């Protein structure tokens, strides 16, 4: 199969997957029906759970017993937290934290 055909098939499959995730809740809950309390609860807690999981995933291999002892990670984590608390903008916080981490790792430590 040629590359462009493979790319087109991948795009179509991914488009159908995204469409399915948008349509399935309408079929399950119907239009105008009350959403179950459990689903509303999941909508409140899952974003925080996902962020906690991402933090653990990112920091799991941090070498704390050897130089630089996790200092770039700690500084970046503090800056991400402070930026989020200051501006309440997740994307801005992640971009600033990533840029700072890359700067610290590549030039300072």
Protein backbone atom coordinates (compact mmCIF):
# COMPACT_ATOMS: atom_id res chain seq x y z
CA UNK A 1 0.00 0.00 0.00
CA UNK A 2 1.33 3.46 -0.80
CA UNK A 3 2.01 6.00 1.90
CA UNK A 4 -0.80 8.38 1.02
CA UNK A 5 -3.40 5.60 1.03
CA UNK A 6 -2.20 4.45 4.42
CA UNK A 7 -2.40 8.02 5.72
CA UNK A 8 -5.93 8.44 4.35
CA UNK A 9 -7.06 5.19 5.99
CA UNK A 10 -5.55 6.24 9.32
CA UNK A 11 -7.24 9.65 9.12
CA UNK A 12 -10.61 8.08 8.31
CA UNK A 13 -10.35 5.55 11.15
CA UNK A 14 -9.32 8.21 13.65
CA UNK A 15 -12.13 10.47 12.46
CA UNK A 16 -14.63 7.67 12.99
CA UNK A 17 -13.21 7.00 16.46
CA UNK A 18 -13.61 10.67 17.42
CA UNK A 19 -17.10 10.75 15.95
CA UNK A 20 -18.04 7.62 17.89
CA UNK A 21 -16.94 9.16 21.19
CA UNK A 22 -19.16 12.15 20.46
CA UNK A 23 -22.22 10.18 19.32
CA UNK A 24 -22.27 7.24 21.76
CA UNK A 25 -23.23 9.36 24.81
CA UNK A 26 -26.23 10.72 22.88
CA UNK A 27 -27.39 7.17 22.17
CA UNK A 28 -26.80 6.06 25.77
CA UNK A 29 -28.37 9.02 27.56
CA UNK A 30 -30.68 10.32 24.84
CA UNK A 31 -31.42 13.93 24.18
CA UNK A 32 -33.01 15.88 26.95
CA UNK A 33 -32.77 13.13 29.55
CA UNK A 34 -31.16 13.80 32.90
CA UNK A 35 -27.56 12.63 33.06
CA UNK A 36 -27.03 10.11 35.90
CA UNK A 37 -25.40 11.47 39.05
CA UNK A 38 -22.52 8.98 38.73
CA UNK A 39 -21.57 10.36 35.31
CA UNK A 40 -21.67 13.92 36.66
CA UNK A 41 -19.45 12.79 39.53
CA UNK A 42 -16.96 11.28 37.07
CA UNK A 43 -16.97 14.53 35.12
CA UNK A 44 -15.92 16.36 38.28
CA UNK A 45 -13.19 14.00 39.53
CA UNK A 46 -11.62 12.46 36.42
CA UNK A 47 -9.76 15.61 35.28
CA UNK A 48 -7.98 15.88 38.63
CA UNK A 49 -7.26 12.16 38.64
CA UNK A 50 -5.80 12.38 35.14
CA UNK A 51 -3.56 15.29 36.14
CA UNK A 52 -2.35 13.39 39.19
CA UNK A 53 -1.62 10.36 37.02
CA UNK A 54 0.33 12.52 34.58
CA UNK A 55 2.38 14.02 37.40
CA UNK A 56 3.25 10.58 38.75
CA UNK A 57 4.06 9.34 35.24
CA UNK A 58 6.35 12.31 34.54
CA UNK A 59 8.20 12.11 37.85
CA UNK A 60 8.47 8.32 38.18
CA UNK A 61 12.01 8.04 36.78
CA UNK A 62 13.43 11.13 38.47
CA UNK A 63 16.91 10.31 39.77
CA UNK A 64 16.87 11.71 43.31
CA UNK A 65 20.01 9.88 44.49
CA UNK A 66 22.29 11.13 41.72
CA UNK A 67 23.00 14.57 40.30
CA UNK A 68 21.06 16.78 39.67
CA UNK A 69 18.85 15.12 42.34
CA UNK A 70 15.56 16.04 40.67
CA UNK A 71 16.14 19.77 41.05
CA UNK A 72 15.07 20.66 37.45
CA UNK A 73 11.89 18.64 37.91
CA UNK A 74 11.14 20.24 41.26
CA UNK A 75 11.72 23.77 39.94
CA UNK A 76 9.57 23.11 36.86
CA UNK A 77 6.79 21.57 38.95
CA UNK A 78 6.79 24.61 41.25
CA UNK A 79 6.66 26.99 38.28
CA UNK A 80 3.82 25.04 36.65
CA UNK A 81 1.85 25.11 39.90
CA UNK A 82 2.51 28.82 40.49
CA UNK A 83 1.65 29.73 36.90
CA UNK A 84 -1.59 27.78 37.04
CA UNK A 85 -2.60 29.36 40.35
CA UNK A 86 -1.74 32.79 38.96
CA UNK A 87 -3.43 32.59 35.53
CA UNK A 88 -5.75 29.52 35.77
CA UNK A 89 -4.58 28.50 32.29
CA UNK A 90 -3.50 24.87 31.98
CA UNK A 91 -1.92 25.16 28.55
CA UNK A 92 0.11 28.23 29.50
CA UNK A 93 1.33 26.47 32.65
CA UNK A 94 2.37 23.34 30.79
CA UNK A 95 4.14 25.28 28.02
CA UNK A 96 6.06 27.46 30.48
CA UNK A 97 6.94 24.47 32.67
CA UNK A 98 8.12 22.41 29.70
CA UNK A 99 10.21 25.25 28.30
CA UNK A 100 11.77 25.89 31.70
CA UNK A 101 12.50 22.20 32.23
CA UNK A 102 14.15 21.88 28.82
CA UNK A 103 16.22 25.00 29.50
CA UNK A 104 17.32 23.71 32.92
CA UNK A 105 18.20 20.25 31.68
CA UNK A 106 20.05 21.36 28.56
CA UNK A 107 21.97 24.34 29.82
CA UNK A 108 22.09 24.61 33.62
CA UNK A 109 22.24 21.11 35.05
